[in-house]
Amino acid sequence: MSREFKFLVDGQWKTSNERIEIRSPYNGEVVGFTYRAIPDDIEAAIEAASRAFQETRRLPLGPVSAITPFNFPLNLVAHKVAPALACGNTMVLKPAPQVPLSALNLARIVHVETLDVGGVIVNEVPTYRADPMPYGGMKDSGLGREGVRYAIEEMTERKVLVFNLAGR
């Protein structure tokens, strides 16, 4: 029994032409599928997050991007999404491609409860980068290739970066 999991962009659940199988880490069985976001979806998410940010009355950083790892997927996603939304920020999240379902289900809950979040949950866009990045901040769990690349690129622009260096 496999389920379909769409991704959320600007309050709309979307699909694309490329499906991604989600396999259980326990036994390798297919438990569902989701879709690979394309750069147009990312641009739309950034636009929506910026629009939603303009309606905020608090003093948040702005649209926040986050990259999460595969271990403890719901916990680590929630540790980034909850504080960002609680402070009035909007978010663009890239969950680990091995375990996107917890992030997609959390997006479904957030979408139902808050209606106009303006963020997006995407799957695999590891090399995509908007120029210039309009983010108020970025959070990364771990310091993989993506995190190092973003850190180097953003250091010169004085962006707020928060890294969890896996206990190092």
N, C-alpha and C. Protein backbone atom coordinates (compact mmCIF):
# COMPACT_ATOMS: atom_id res chain seq x y z
N MET A 1 0.85 -1.18 0.00
CA MET A 1 0.00 0.00 0.00
C MET A 1 0.89 1.24 0.00
N SER A 2 0.93 1.95 -1.07
CA SER A 2 1.74 3.17 -1.11
C SER A 2 0.83 4.38 -1.19
N ARG A 3 1.28 5.45 -0.57
CA ARG A 3 0.51 6.69 -0.53
C ARG A 3 1.24 7.77 -1.30
N GLU A 4 0.46 8.72 -1.80
CA GLU A 4 1.01 9.86 -2.52
C GLU A 4 1.18 11.02 -1.55
N PHE A 5 2.35 11.66 -1.60
CA PHE A 5 2.62 12.83 -0.77
C PHE A 5 3.05 13.97 -1.68
N LYS A 6 2.19 14.97 -1.80
CA LYS A 6 2.51 16.14 -2.60
C LYS A 6 3.35 17.10 -1.76
N PHE A 7 3.95 18.11 -2.37
CA PHE A 7 4.68 19.12 -1.60
C PHE A 7 3.90 20.42 -1.62
N LEU A 8 4.16 21.28 -0.63
CA LEU A 8 3.38 22.48 -0.40
C LEU A 8 4.11 23.71 -0.89
N VAL A 9 3.48 24.47 -1.80
CA VAL A 9 4.03 25.72 -2.30
C VAL A 9 2.92 26.76 -2.28
N ASP A 10 3.12 27.85 -1.56
CA ASP A 10 2.18 28.96 -1.53
C ASP A 10 0.76 28.51 -1.21
N GLY A 11 0.64 27.63 -0.22
CA GLY A 11 -0.66 27.17 0.22
C GLY A 11 -1.33 26.15 -0.68
N GLN A 12 -0.63 25.69 -1.70
CA GLN A 12 -1.19 24.71 -2.65
C GLN A 12 -0.34 23.44 -2.64
N TRP A 13 -1.01 22.29 -2.56
CA TRP A 13 -0.30 21.01 -2.66
C TRP A 13 -0.03 20.74 -4.13
N LYS A 14 1.25 20.46 -4.46
CA LYS A 14 1.66 20.34 -5.86
C LYS A 14 2.33 19.00 -6.15
N THR A 15 2.39 18.69 -7.43
CA THR A 15 3.12 17.53 -7.92
C THR A 15 4.05 18.00 -9.04
N SER A 16 4.84 17.08 -9.54
CA SER A 16 5.66 17.36 -10.71
C SER A 16 5.67 16.12 -11.58
N ASN A 17 6.41 16.15 -12.65
CA ASN A 17 6.47 14.99 -13.56
C ASN A 17 7.34 13.87 -13.01
N GLU A 18 8.18 14.17 -12.03
CA GLU A 18 9.12 13.16 -11.54
C GLU A 18 8.72 12.67 -10.15
N ARG A 19 8.34 11.40 -10.09
CA ARG A 19 7.97 10.79 -8.81
C ARG A 19 9.20 10.20 -8.14
N ILE A 20 9.20 10.24 -6.81
CA ILE A 20 10.29 9.67 -6.03
C ILE A 20 9.69 8.64 -5.09
N GLU A 21 10.19 7.40 -5.16
CA GLU A 21 9.72 6.35 -4.24
C GLU A 21 10.28 6.60 -2.85
N ILE A 22 9.45 6.36 -1.84
CA ILE A 22 9.90 6.44 -0.45
C ILE A 22 9.89 5.01 0.09
N ARG A 23 11.05 4.55 0.52
CA ARG A 23 11.18 3.18 1.03
C ARG A 23 11.35 3.19 2.54
N SER A 24 10.80 2.17 3.16
CA SER A 24 10.94 2.01 4.60
C SER A 24 12.39 1.68 4.93
N PRO A 25 13.00 2.41 5.88
CA PRO A 25 14.37 2.07 6.27
C PRO A 25 14.43 0.72 7.00
N TYR A 26 13.27 0.26 7.47
CA TYR A 26 13.20 -0.99 8.22
C TYR A 26 13.34 -2.20 7.31
N ASN A 27 12.51 -2.26 6.25
CA ASN A 27 12.52 -3.45 5.41
C ASN A 27 12.68 -3.16 3.91
N GLY A 28 12.84 -1.91 3.53
CA GLY A 28 13.06 -1.56 2.14
C GLY A 28 11.81 -1.54 1.27
N GLU A 29 10.64 -1.82 1.85
CA GLU A 29 9.40 -1.79 1.07
C GLU A 29 9.03 -0.36 0.71
N VAL A 30 8.38 -0.21 -0.44
CA VAL A 30 7.88 1.10 -0.85
C VAL A 30 6.68 1.44 0.03
N VAL A 31 6.76 2.59 0.73
CA VAL A 31 5.66 3.01 1.61
C VAL A 31 4.89 4.19 1.02
N GLY A 32 5.42 4.77 -0.02
CA GLY A 32 4.74 5.89 -0.64
C GLY A 32 5.62 6.51 -1.70
N PHE A 33 5.14 7.60 -2.23
CA PHE A 33 5.95 8.34 -3.20
C PHE A 33 5.63 9.82 -3.07
N THR A 34 6.59 10.62 -3.47
CA THR A 34 6.43 12.06 -3.49
C THR A 34 6.97 12.55 -4.83
N TYR A 35 7.13 13.82 -4.98
CA TYR A 35 7.53 14.39 -6.26
C TYR A 35 8.75 15.27 -6.08
N ARG A 36 9.59 15.33 -7.10
CA ARG A 36 10.76 16.19 -7.08
C ARG A 36 10.34 17.61 -7.47
N ALA A 37 10.65 18.56 -6.62
CA ALA A 37 10.34 19.96 -6.92
C ALA A 37 11.29 20.47 -8.00
N ILE A 38 10.79 21.36 -8.83
CA ILE A 38 11.61 21.95 -9.88
C ILE A 38 11.96 23.38 -9.48
N PRO A 39 12.96 23.99 -10.10
CA PRO A 39 13.35 25.36 -9.73
C PRO A 39 12.20 26.36 -9.73
N ASP A 40 11.23 26.22 -10.65
CA ASP A 40 10.08 27.13 -10.65
C ASP A 40 9.29 27.03 -9.35
N ASP A 41 9.19 25.80 -8.81
CA ASP A 41 8.50 25.62 -7.53
C ASP A 41 9.25 26.32 -6.41
N ILE A 42 10.57 26.26 -6.46
CA ILE A 42 11.39 26.90 -5.43
C ILE A 42 11.23 28.42 -5.52
N GLU A 43 11.28 28.95 -6.73
CA GLU A 43 11.08 30.40 -6.91
C GLU A 43 9.72 30.81 -6.37
N ALA A 44 8.68 30.02 -6.67
CA ALA A 44 7.33 30.33 -6.19
C ALA A 44 7.28 30.27 -4.67
N ALA A 45 7.99 29.32 -4.07
CA ALA A 45 8.02 29.21 -2.61
C ALA A 45 8.71 30.42 -1.98
N ILE A 46 9.81 30.84 -2.58
CA ILE A 46 10.54 32.01 -2.06
C ILE A 46 9.67 33.25 -2.18
N GLU A 47 8.98 33.41 -3.31
CA GLU A 47 8.07 34.54 -3.50
C GLU A 47 6.95 34.52 -2.46
N ALA A 48 6.35 33.34 -2.26
CA ALA A 48 5.25 33.20 -1.30
C ALA A 48 5.73 33.49 0.12
N ALA A 49 6.92 32.99 0.45
CA ALA A 49 7.46 33.24 1.79
C ALA A 49 7.73 34.73 1.99
N SER A 50 8.22 35.40 0.96
CA SER A 50 8.47 36.84 1.05
C SER A 50 7.17 37.62 1.18
N ARG A 51 6.14 37.21 0.42
CA ARG A 51 4.83 37.86 0.51
C ARG A 51 4.23 37.68 1.90
N ALA A 52 4.27 36.45 2.40
CA ALA A 52 3.71 36.17 3.72
C ALA A 52 4.49 36.93 4.80
N PHE A 53 5.79 37.08 4.61
CA PHE A 53 6.61 37.80 5.58
C PHE A 53 6.18 39.26 5.67
N GLN A 54 5.78 39.86 4.57
CA GLN A 54 5.38 41.27 4.58
C GLN A 54 4.12 41.51 5.40
N GLU A 55 3.32 40.46 5.63
CA GLU A 55 2.09 40.60 6.41
C GLU A 55 2.33 40.39 7.90
N THR A 56 3.53 40.02 8.29
CA THR A 56 3.84 39.73 9.69
C THR A 56 3.99 41.01 10.48
N ARG A 57 3.52 41.01 11.73
CA ARG A 57 3.58 42.19 12.57
C ARG A 57 4.67 42.11 13.65
N ARG A 58 5.39 41.02 13.72
CA ARG A 58 6.45 40.87 14.72
C ARG A 58 7.77 41.35 14.13
N LEU A 59 8.87 41.04 14.82
CA LEU A 59 10.19 41.42 14.32
C LEU A 59 11.03 40.18 14.02
N PRO A 60 10.58 39.35 13.10
CA PRO A 60 11.33 38.14 12.77
C PRO A 60 12.50 38.43 11.84
N LEU A 61 13.29 37.40 11.57
CA LEU A 61 14.42 37.54 10.64
C LEU A 61 13.95 37.71 9.21
N GLY A 62 12.92 36.98 8.83
CA GLY A 62 12.44 36.96 7.45
C GLY A 62 12.28 35.53 7.01
N PRO A 63 12.17 35.29 5.72
CA PRO A 63 12.07 33.90 5.26
C PRO A 63 13.33 33.13 5.68
N VAL A 64 13.15 31.96 6.24
CA VAL A 64 14.25 31.14 6.73
C VAL A 64 14.30 29.87 5.90
N SER A 65 15.49 29.43 5.54
CA SER A 65 15.63 28.14 4.86
C SER A 65 16.25 27.16 5.84
N ALA A 66 15.92 25.89 5.70
CA ALA A 66 16.46 24.86 6.59
C ALA A 66 16.73 23.60 5.79
N ILE A 67 17.81 22.92 6.15
CA ILE A 67 18.17 21.63 5.57
C ILE A 67 18.23 20.66 6.73
N THR A 68 17.53 19.54 6.64
CA THR A 68 17.51 18.59 7.76
C THR A 68 18.06 17.24 7.32
N PRO A 69 18.67 16.50 8.26
CA PRO A 69 19.26 15.20 7.96
C PRO A 69 18.23 14.07 8.06
N PHE A 70 18.70 12.85 7.83
CA PHE A 70 17.80 11.70 7.81
C PHE A 70 17.54 11.11 9.20
N ASN A 71 18.44 11.33 10.15
CA ASN A 71 18.25 10.71 11.46
C ASN A 71 17.28 11.55 12.31
N PHE A 72 16.35 10.92 12.98
CA PHE A 72 15.31 11.57 13.77
C PHE A 72 14.58 12.62 12.93
N PRO A 73 14.01 12.23 11.80
CA PRO A 73 13.49 13.21 10.84
C PRO A 73 12.42 14.15 11.39
N LEU A 74 11.41 13.64 12.08
CA LEU A 74 10.36 14.53 12.55
C LEU A 74 10.88 15.46 13.64
N ASN A 75 11.68 14.93 14.55
CA ASN A 75 12.22 15.73 15.65
C ASN A 75 13.07 16.88 15.12
N LEU A 76 13.99 16.59 14.21
CA LEU A 76 14.89 17.64 13.72
C LEU A 76 14.18 18.64 12.82
N VAL A 77 13.18 18.19 12.07
CA VAL A 77 12.38 19.12 11.27
C VAL A 77 11.59 20.04 12.20
N ALA A 78 10.94 19.45 13.20
CA ALA A 78 10.13 20.24 14.13
C ALA A 78 10.98 21.25 14.90
N HIS A 79 12.22 20.88 15.22
CA HIS A 79 13.11 21.80 15.94
C HIS A 79 13.48 23.02 15.11
N LYS A 80 13.30 22.94 13.82
CA LYS A 80 13.58 24.09 12.96
C LYS A 80 12.30 24.85 12.59
N VAL A 81 11.25 24.09 12.25
CA VAL A 81 10.00 24.71 11.80
C VAL A 81 9.30 25.44 12.94
N ALA A 82 9.15 24.81 14.10
CA ALA A 82 8.38 25.40 15.20
C ALA A 82 8.93 26.76 15.65
N PRO A 83 10.21 26.89 15.96
CA PRO A 83 10.70 28.21 16.38
C PRO A 83 10.60 29.26 15.28
N ALA A 84 10.86 28.85 14.04
CA ALA A 84 10.78 29.82 12.93
C ALA A 84 9.36 30.37 12.81
N LEU A 85 8.36 29.49 12.81
CA LEU A 85 6.98 29.94 12.68
C LEU A 85 6.50 30.68 13.92
N ALA A 86 6.92 30.22 15.10
CA ALA A 86 6.52 30.88 16.35
C ALA A 86 7.02 32.31 16.42
N CYS A 87 8.16 32.58 15.81
CA CYS A 87 8.72 33.94 15.81
C CYS A 87 8.21 34.78 14.65
N GLY A 88 7.31 34.23 13.85
CA GLY A 88 6.74 34.99 12.75
C GLY A 88 7.49 34.88 11.44
N ASN A 89 8.47 33.99 11.37
CA ASN A 89 9.21 33.79 10.13
C ASN A 89 8.44 32.86 9.20
N THR A 90 8.74 32.93 7.94
CA THR A 90 8.26 31.94 6.99
C THR A 90 9.44 31.03 6.68
N MET A 91 9.18 29.86 6.08
CA MET A 91 10.25 28.89 5.95
C MET A 91 10.21 28.15 4.62
N VAL A 92 11.41 27.88 4.10
CA VAL A 92 11.61 26.98 2.97
C VAL A 92 12.45 25.84 3.53
N LEU A 93 11.93 24.62 3.47
CA LEU A 93 12.58 23.47 4.11
C LEU A 93 12.97 22.42 3.09
N LYS A 94 14.20 21.91 3.20
CA LYS A 94 14.65 20.79 2.38
C LYS A 94 14.94 19.62 3.31
N PRO A 95 13.98 18.69 3.41
CA PRO A 95 14.23 17.52 4.25
C PRO A 95 15.17 16.54 3.54
N ALA A 96 15.73 15.62 4.31
CA ALA A 96 16.59 14.60 3.71
C ALA A 96 15.77 13.79 2.71
N PRO A 97 16.34 13.48 1.54
CA PRO A 97 15.57 12.75 0.53
C PRO A 97 15.18 11.34 0.95
N GLN A 98 15.89 10.76 1.92
CA GLN A 98 15.57 9.40 2.37
C GLN A 98 14.29 9.37 3.22
N VAL A 99 13.97 10.48 3.88
CA VAL A 99 12.85 10.49 4.84
C VAL A 99 12.02 11.77 4.74
N PRO A 100 11.43 12.06 3.59
CA PRO A 100 10.68 13.31 3.48
C PRO A 100 9.26 13.24 4.04
N LEU A 101 8.75 12.03 4.33
CA LEU A 101 7.33 11.91 4.70
C LEU A 101 6.99 12.62 6.00
N SER A 102 7.87 12.57 7.00
CA SER A 102 7.56 13.26 8.26
C SER A 102 7.48 14.76 8.03
N ALA A 103 8.37 15.30 7.21
CA ALA A 103 8.32 16.74 6.91
C ALA A 103 7.07 17.09 6.11
N LEU A 104 6.71 16.23 5.16
CA LEU A 104 5.51 16.49 4.36
C LEU A 104 4.25 16.42 5.21
N ASN A 105 4.21 15.47 6.15
CA ASN A 105 3.05 15.39 7.05
C ASN A 105 3.00 16.57 8.00
N LEU A 106 4.15 17.01 8.48
CA LEU A 106 4.18 18.21 9.33
C LEU A 106 3.70 19.42 8.54
N ALA A 107 4.09 19.52 7.28
CA ALA A 107 3.62 20.62 6.43
C ALA A 107 2.11 20.58 6.29
N ARG A 108 1.57 19.38 6.17
CA ARG A 108 0.11 19.22 6.07
C ARG A 108 -0.57 19.75 7.33
N ILE A 109 -0.02 19.43 8.50
CA ILE A 109 -0.58 19.90 9.77
C ILE A 109 -0.46 21.42 9.87
N VAL A 110 0.71 21.95 9.57
CA VAL A 110 0.93 23.40 9.64
C VAL A 110 0.00 24.12 8.68
N HIS A 111 -0.16 23.58 7.49
CA HIS A 111 -1.02 24.20 6.48
C HIS A 111 -2.47 24.25 6.97
N VAL A 112 -2.96 23.18 7.56
CA VAL A 112 -4.34 23.14 8.06
C VAL A 112 -4.51 24.11 9.22
N GLU A 113 -3.54 24.19 10.10
CA GLU A 113 -3.67 25.01 11.31
C GLU A 113 -3.42 26.49 11.07
N THR A 114 -2.52 26.84 10.17
CA THR A 114 -2.18 28.25 9.99
C THR A 114 -2.66 28.83 8.68
N LEU A 115 -3.13 28.01 7.78
CA LEU A 115 -3.68 28.40 6.48
C LEU A 115 -2.68 29.06 5.55
N ASP A 116 -2.08 30.18 5.91
CA ASP A 116 -1.22 30.87 4.96
C ASP A 116 0.20 30.98 5.50
N VAL A 117 0.92 29.88 5.48
CA VAL A 117 2.29 29.89 5.98
C VAL A 117 3.22 30.52 4.96
N GLY A 118 3.04 30.21 3.69
CA GLY A 118 3.87 30.81 2.65
C GLY A 118 5.14 30.06 2.37
N GLY A 119 5.45 29.03 3.13
CA GLY A 119 6.68 28.28 2.91
C GLY A 119 6.44 27.09 2.00
N VAL A 120 7.46 26.31 1.82
CA VAL A 120 7.36 25.12 0.97
C VAL A 120 8.17 24.02 1.60
N ILE A 121 7.73 22.81 1.43
CA ILE A 121 8.53 21.65 1.78
C ILE A 121 8.87 20.98 0.47
N VAL A 122 10.15 20.83 0.20
CA VAL A 122 10.59 20.27 -1.08
C VAL A 122 11.42 19.04 -0.82
N ASN A 123 11.70 18.30 -1.85
CA ASN A 123 12.52 17.11 -1.70
C ASN A 123 13.96 17.37 -2.04
N GLU A 124 14.34 17.12 -3.29
CA GLU A 124 15.76 17.21 -3.62
C GLU A 124 16.03 18.37 -4.57
N VAL A 125 16.60 19.40 -4.06
CA VAL A 125 17.09 20.52 -4.88
C VAL A 125 18.44 20.96 -4.32
N PRO A 126 19.37 20.00 -4.13
CA PRO A 126 20.61 20.31 -3.41
C PRO A 126 21.50 21.33 -4.08
N THR A 127 21.43 21.48 -5.39
CA THR A 127 22.33 22.43 -6.04
C THR A 127 21.62 23.70 -6.43
N TYR A 128 20.33 23.80 -6.14
CA TYR A 128 19.58 25.00 -6.51
C TYR A 128 19.94 26.14 -5.57
N ARG A 129 20.10 27.32 -6.10
CA ARG A 129 20.37 28.48 -5.26
C ARG A 129 19.80 29.70 -5.96
N ALA A 130 18.96 30.45 -5.26
CA ALA A 130 18.41 31.69 -5.82
C ALA A 130 19.45 32.78 -5.67
N ASP A 131 19.65 33.59 -6.67
CA ASP A 131 20.60 34.70 -6.60
C ASP A 131 19.87 36.01 -6.70
N PRO A 132 19.97 36.91 -5.76
CA PRO A 132 20.55 36.70 -4.44
C PRO A 132 19.57 35.99 -3.53
N MET A 133 20.07 35.29 -2.51
CA MET A 133 19.18 34.59 -1.58
C MET A 133 18.48 35.63 -0.72
N PRO A 134 17.15 35.67 -0.75
CA PRO A 134 16.42 36.67 0.02
C PRO A 134 16.12 36.23 1.44
N TYR A 135 16.84 35.24 1.93
CA TYR A 135 16.53 34.68 3.23
C TYR A 135 17.01 35.57 4.36
N GLY A 136 16.24 35.56 5.45
CA GLY A 136 16.66 36.24 6.66
C GLY A 136 17.61 35.37 7.44
N GLY A 137 17.57 34.08 7.24
CA GLY A 137 18.45 33.18 7.97
C GLY A 137 18.41 31.80 7.37
N MET A 138 19.35 30.97 7.80
CA MET A 138 19.41 29.60 7.33
C MET A 138 19.80 28.71 8.48
N LYS A 139 19.17 27.54 8.59
CA LYS A 139 19.52 26.57 9.62
C LYS A 139 19.92 25.28 8.94
N ASP A 140 20.94 24.62 9.45
CA ASP A 140 21.38 23.36 8.87
C ASP A 140 21.75 22.42 9.99
N SER A 141 21.26 21.19 9.93
CA SER A 141 21.67 20.17 10.90
C SER A 141 22.80 19.38 10.27
N GLY A 142 23.92 19.34 10.92
CA GLY A 142 25.07 18.66 10.36
C GLY A 142 25.86 19.63 9.51
N LEU A 143 27.01 19.21 9.08
CA LEU A 143 27.84 20.08 8.26
C LEU A 143 28.29 19.28 7.04
N GLY A 144 27.32 18.91 6.22
CA GLY A 144 27.63 18.17 5.00
C GLY A 144 28.09 19.10 3.91
N ARG A 145 28.21 18.55 2.70
CA ARG A 145 28.66 19.36 1.56
C ARG A 145 27.77 20.57 1.33
N GLU A 146 26.44 20.36 1.44
CA GLU A 146 25.53 21.48 1.21
C GLU A 146 25.74 22.58 2.23
N GLY A 147 25.86 22.20 3.50
CA GLY A 147 26.03 23.19 4.56
C GLY A 147 27.30 23.99 4.40
N VAL A 148 28.39 23.32 4.08
CA VAL A 148 29.67 24.01 3.89
C VAL A 148 29.58 24.97 2.71
N ARG A 149 28.97 24.52 1.61
CA ARG A 149 28.86 25.37 0.43
C ARG A 149 28.03 26.61 0.74
N TYR A 150 26.87 26.43 1.40
CA TYR A 150 26.04 27.58 1.75
C TYR A 150 26.78 28.52 2.70
N ALA A 151 27.49 27.96 3.65
CA ALA A 151 28.21 28.79 4.62
C ALA A 151 29.24 29.67 3.93
N ILE A 152 30.01 29.07 3.04
CA ILE A 152 31.04 29.84 2.33
C ILE A 152 30.41 30.92 1.46
N GLU A 153 29.34 30.56 0.74
CA GLU A 153 28.69 31.54 -0.14
C GLU A 153 28.05 32.68 0.64
N GLU A 154 27.50 32.38 1.79
CA GLU A 154 26.74 33.39 2.52
C GLU A 154 27.59 34.22 3.48
N MET A 155 28.81 33.77 3.80
CA MET A 155 29.64 34.53 4.74
C MET A 155 29.89 35.95 4.26
N THR A 156 30.04 36.11 2.97
CA THR A 156 30.34 37.44 2.45
C THR A 156 29.13 38.35 2.45
N GLU A 157 27.92 37.79 2.56
CA GLU A 157 26.70 38.61 2.53
C GLU A 157 26.14 38.91 3.92
N ARG A 158 26.81 38.47 4.96
CA ARG A 158 26.39 38.71 6.34
C ARG A 158 24.97 38.21 6.61
N LYS A 159 24.68 37.01 6.18
CA LYS A 159 23.41 36.37 6.48
C LYS A 159 23.53 35.73 7.86
N VAL A 160 22.38 35.51 8.49
CA VAL A 160 22.37 34.82 9.77
C VAL A 160 22.36 33.32 9.48
N LEU A 161 23.39 32.61 9.90
CA LEU A 161 23.48 31.18 9.70
C LEU A 161 23.53 30.49 11.05
N VAL A 162 22.75 29.42 11.21
CA VAL A 162 22.76 28.65 12.44
C VAL A 162 23.06 27.21 12.05
N PHE A 163 24.17 26.67 12.53
CA PHE A 163 24.55 25.30 12.20
C PHE A 163 24.56 24.46 13.46
N ASN A 164 24.01 23.25 13.35
CA ASN A 164 24.14 22.25 14.39
C ASN A 164 25.25 21.34 13.90
N LEU A 165 26.36 21.36 14.54
CA LEU A 165 27.53 20.63 14.04
C LEU A 165 27.60 19.21 14.57
N ALA A 166 26.44 18.61 14.80
CA ALA A 166 26.35 17.21 15.22
C ALA A 166 27.19 16.96 16.46
N GLY A 167 27.12 17.86 17.42
CA GLY A 167 27.81 17.67 18.70
C GLY A 167 29.29 17.98 18.67
N ARG A 168 29.81 18.54 17.59
CA ARG A 168 31.24 18.83 17.52
C ARG A 168 31.53 20.21 18.07
